[in-house]
Amino acid sequence: MATKAELEAELAALKLEMNAPANDPAEADPEPKSGDTRLEAFFADHGLSKDDLEALWSQFSKELGDLPHEKPITLALGAFGLGFLLGRMSK
C-alpha cells in the first residue's frame, strides 16, 4: 500500500504535468514520407501497409464478382431492396 508521502509526490508530479504547456501539434503529427498521401499515412498509423490494402481490395472484388454465381437469390433481394430504398428516398 502506498504511503501518504508517495501519493502526495505523485499528485504533485501529475499537477506539474497538467500545467505544462501543450506539445507542438506539428511534433505529434510527423510529416508523411515522400510519395505518401494522408490516407496512406492514416492506414500506416493503424498497421496497414499499401500491400495489405491492395490484397484486401483484390479479395473484396473477387468475392463480389463471385456473388452472382454463389448466391443469386441474395444478390437479387439485395438489388431489389437497394432499389426500393433509393426509390423511397427520392420522393
Protein backbone atom coordinates (compact mmCIF):
# COMPACT_ATOMS: atom_id res chain seq x y z
CA MET A 1 0.00 0.00 0.00
CA ALA A 2 1.30 3.43 -0.93
CA THR A 3 2.15 5.88 1.80
CA LYS A 4 0.71 9.36 2.07
CA ALA A 5 4.07 10.92 1.10
CA GLU A 6 4.27 8.79 -2.07
CA LEU A 7 0.72 9.70 -3.08
CA GLU A 8 1.37 13.41 -2.47
CA ALA A 9 4.56 13.25 -4.55
CA GLU A 10 2.68 11.54 -7.39
CA LEU A 11 -0.10 14.11 -7.17
CA ALA A 12 2.40 16.96 -7.36
CA ALA A 13 4.04 15.37 -10.43
CA LEU A 14 0.65 14.99 -12.12
CA LYS A 15 -0.25 18.61 -11.39
CA LEU A 16 3.04 19.77 -12.93
CA GLU A 17 2.35 17.62 -15.99
CA MET A 18 -1.14 19.08 -16.37
CA ASN A 19 0.12 22.66 -16.08
CA ALA A 20 2.98 22.13 -18.54
CA PRO A 21 2.46 23.77 -21.94
CA ALA A 22 0.93 21.52 -24.56
CA ASN A 23 3.25 19.90 -27.06
CA ASP A 24 3.52 21.42 -30.50
CA PRO A 25 0.91 19.67 -32.74
CA ALA A 26 3.45 19.57 -35.56
CA GLU A 27 5.63 17.28 -33.45
CA ALA A 28 2.73 14.93 -32.70
CA ASP A 29 1.80 14.53 -36.39
CA PRO A 30 5.01 13.72 -38.28
CA GLU A 31 5.32 14.55 -41.94
CA PRO A 32 4.26 11.73 -44.25
CA LYS A 33 7.08 10.03 -46.12
CA SER A 34 7.71 11.24 -49.64
CA GLY A 35 5.06 9.88 -52.00
CA ASP A 36 2.63 9.03 -49.18
CA THR A 37 -0.80 10.57 -49.12
CA ARG A 38 -2.60 11.43 -45.92
CA LEU A 39 -4.82 8.37 -46.35
CA GLU A 40 -1.81 6.07 -46.70
CA ALA A 41 -0.26 7.69 -43.61
CA PHE A 42 -3.53 7.11 -41.71
CA PHE A 43 -3.59 3.44 -42.64
CA ALA A 44 0.12 3.10 -41.79
CA ASP A 45 -0.59 4.52 -38.33
CA HIS A 46 -3.16 1.75 -37.88
CA GLY A 47 -0.86 -1.05 -39.03
CA LEU A 48 -1.98 -1.45 -42.65
CA SER A 49 0.52 -1.18 -45.48
CA LYS A 50 -0.21 -0.43 -49.11
CA ASP A 51 0.28 -4.12 -49.94
CA ASP A 52 -2.26 -5.12 -47.27
CA LEU A 53 -4.82 -2.71 -48.72
CA GLU A 54 -4.25 -3.99 -52.25
CA ALA A 55 -4.68 -7.59 -51.06
CA LEU A 56 -7.89 -6.70 -49.22
CA TRP A 57 -9.23 -4.86 -52.28
CA SER A 58 -8.45 -7.76 -54.62
CA GLN A 59 -10.09 -10.24 -52.22
CA PHE A 60 -13.17 -7.99 -51.92
CA SER A 61 -13.51 -7.57 -55.69
CA LYS A 62 -13.09 -11.34 -56.25
CA GLU A 63 -15.77 -12.16 -53.67
CA LEU A 64 -18.08 -9.51 -55.13
CA GLY A 65 -17.55 -10.96 -58.61
CA ASP A 66 -18.35 -14.46 -57.39
CA LEU A 67 -21.53 -13.36 -55.59
CA PRO A 68 -23.93 -13.77 -58.59
CA HIS A 69 -22.74 -17.35 -59.11
CA GLU A 70 -22.68 -18.39 -55.45
CA LYS A 71 -25.75 -16.61 -54.04
CA PRO A 72 -28.04 -15.35 -56.82
CA ILE A 73 -31.16 -15.04 -54.64
CA THR A 74 -29.33 -12.97 -52.03
CA LEU A 75 -27.99 -10.70 -54.77
CA ALA A 76 -31.44 -10.28 -56.33
CA LEU A 77 -33.04 -9.47 -52.96
CA GLY A 78 -30.25 -7.02 -52.15
CA ALA A 79 -30.62 -5.27 -55.50
CA PHE A 80 -34.40 -5.09 -55.06
CA GLY A 81 -34.03 -3.73 -51.52
CA LEU A 82 -31.49 -1.12 -52.58
CA GLY A 83 -33.69 -0.04 -55.49
CA PHE A 84 -36.72 0.16 -53.23
CA LEU A 85 -34.83 2.25 -50.68
CA LEU A 86 -33.46 4.62 -53.32
CA GLY A 87 -36.93 4.95 -54.84
CA ARG A 88 -38.49 5.81 -51.47
CA MET A 89 -35.78 8.32 -50.67
CA SER A 90 -36.18 10.12 -54.00
CA LYS A 91 -39.83 11.00 -53.30
